[in-house]
Amino acid sequence: MKIDLKQIWRRLVMHLDGPLLILGTILISVNLVALYSASNQSTDKIIAQLTNMSVAVTVMWVAANISPQRMMLFAPPLYLLGFILLIGVAVAGDVVNGARRWLHIGVTRIQPSEIMKIAMPMMLAWYFDRREASLKIKDFLIATIIMLLPVALILKQPDLGTAILVGAASFYILFLAGLSWYVVLGLVLAGVSGIYFVTHWDLCIQLFHDYQCRRVATMIDPMADPLGDGYHTIQGTIAIGSGGIFGKGWLAGTQTHLDFIPERTTDFIFAVFAEEFGLVGNCLLLILYLAIIGRGLYISARAANLFGRLLAGSIALSFFTYAFVNMGMVSGILPVVGVPLPMVSYGGTALVTLSLGFGILMSIHSHRKMLQS
């Protein structure tokens, strides 16, 4: 029996999106280049990250081959599973470095809040799709409750960075579903009012953990504790500034290789990249991120149903949130909250989650004609 390799290849790639695949490949190439320098040319780190990438690509391919209709079936049970696991974390989770974020399930430990980064927007997109014909204000109130319950459990761990990402992904669904501009304006005013609270220690400490308040205080004045809470922000801004317009060159960053930059392979890898590739490299990286977000919004606009439009829009805008929060905290304009630079920071969890998002976008785009027909 003759094996038709061309047909097999076509079946393997038929649900992959070319532009997203190319942009993602460029981004993970940037990941390897920056990681090699940030890890002091560690081949072990590179091999470990290549292993993470192989898992992430597999997850992306599987997601791309699952139709949006089938994803809709998965949405409620996946959300329920994530919520139950979050309750399990609150009751019997493992405490690491003062935070209760991990749950041991017999063979390994998992971080259920990561599940919610995808389960939450899927659940809300499913809910609004079901209510599309008779959407009312009470539906937005129910969706808000669906959003707030897991976010409250994640905040309690505490994990402010993940809570921001999950909350943002959920808010994008509500906004794209038609949330009133008056409500959005009210939330903006509440946010501005919130700045007053978090910048006044006595008020902040009543609402948040003390370490979260210290991070806000550090953002406002990092020199108040230059060797303690302000160290990350100060070293990050020095690295970015010393890179100048064209950077110091690959493997030539002094802040990086003299070990001044903390967490330089993970959350602060943007400081390494900025020091070695300068403002020009930063602009190219921003263009790359904008191209991915633009492609995601294009897929959202052309989706065949409300579920696809909302989910694709939320994934694309969540990618923006990842990049904005990470670059903002490394640059000192946002508090340090532990959000990785999307698809560039070392590590497998965020990479797999983001690749899953890429796969869902590809599925929504490649199955749209089947749904329309």
Foldseek 3Di string as FASTA:
>chain_A
DDDDVVVVVCVQCLLADVVLVVLLVVLLVLQLLLLCLLVVNDVVLSVVQVVLVVLLLVLLSVLSPDALVVLLVVQVVLLVVLLVVLVVLVVPADADPNFSQWDDPPPGIDGSLLSLLQSLLLNLLSQCQVCVVPDDPVSLVVNVVSQVSSLVSCCVSPAVVSSVLSNLLSVLLCVVSPPDVVVVVVVVVVVVVVLVQLQDQVSNVVPHPNVVSVLSVCLVPVVVCCPPSSQQQVLLQVLLVQLAAAAPARSRRPSSVVVSHPLCQWLSVVSSQNRHGNPVSVVVVVVSLVSSLVLLQVLLVLFQGSSSNSSSNSLSVSLVVLQCQSVCCSNSNHGDRRRTNQSNHRDNSNSSSNSSSSSNSSSRNSCRVVSND
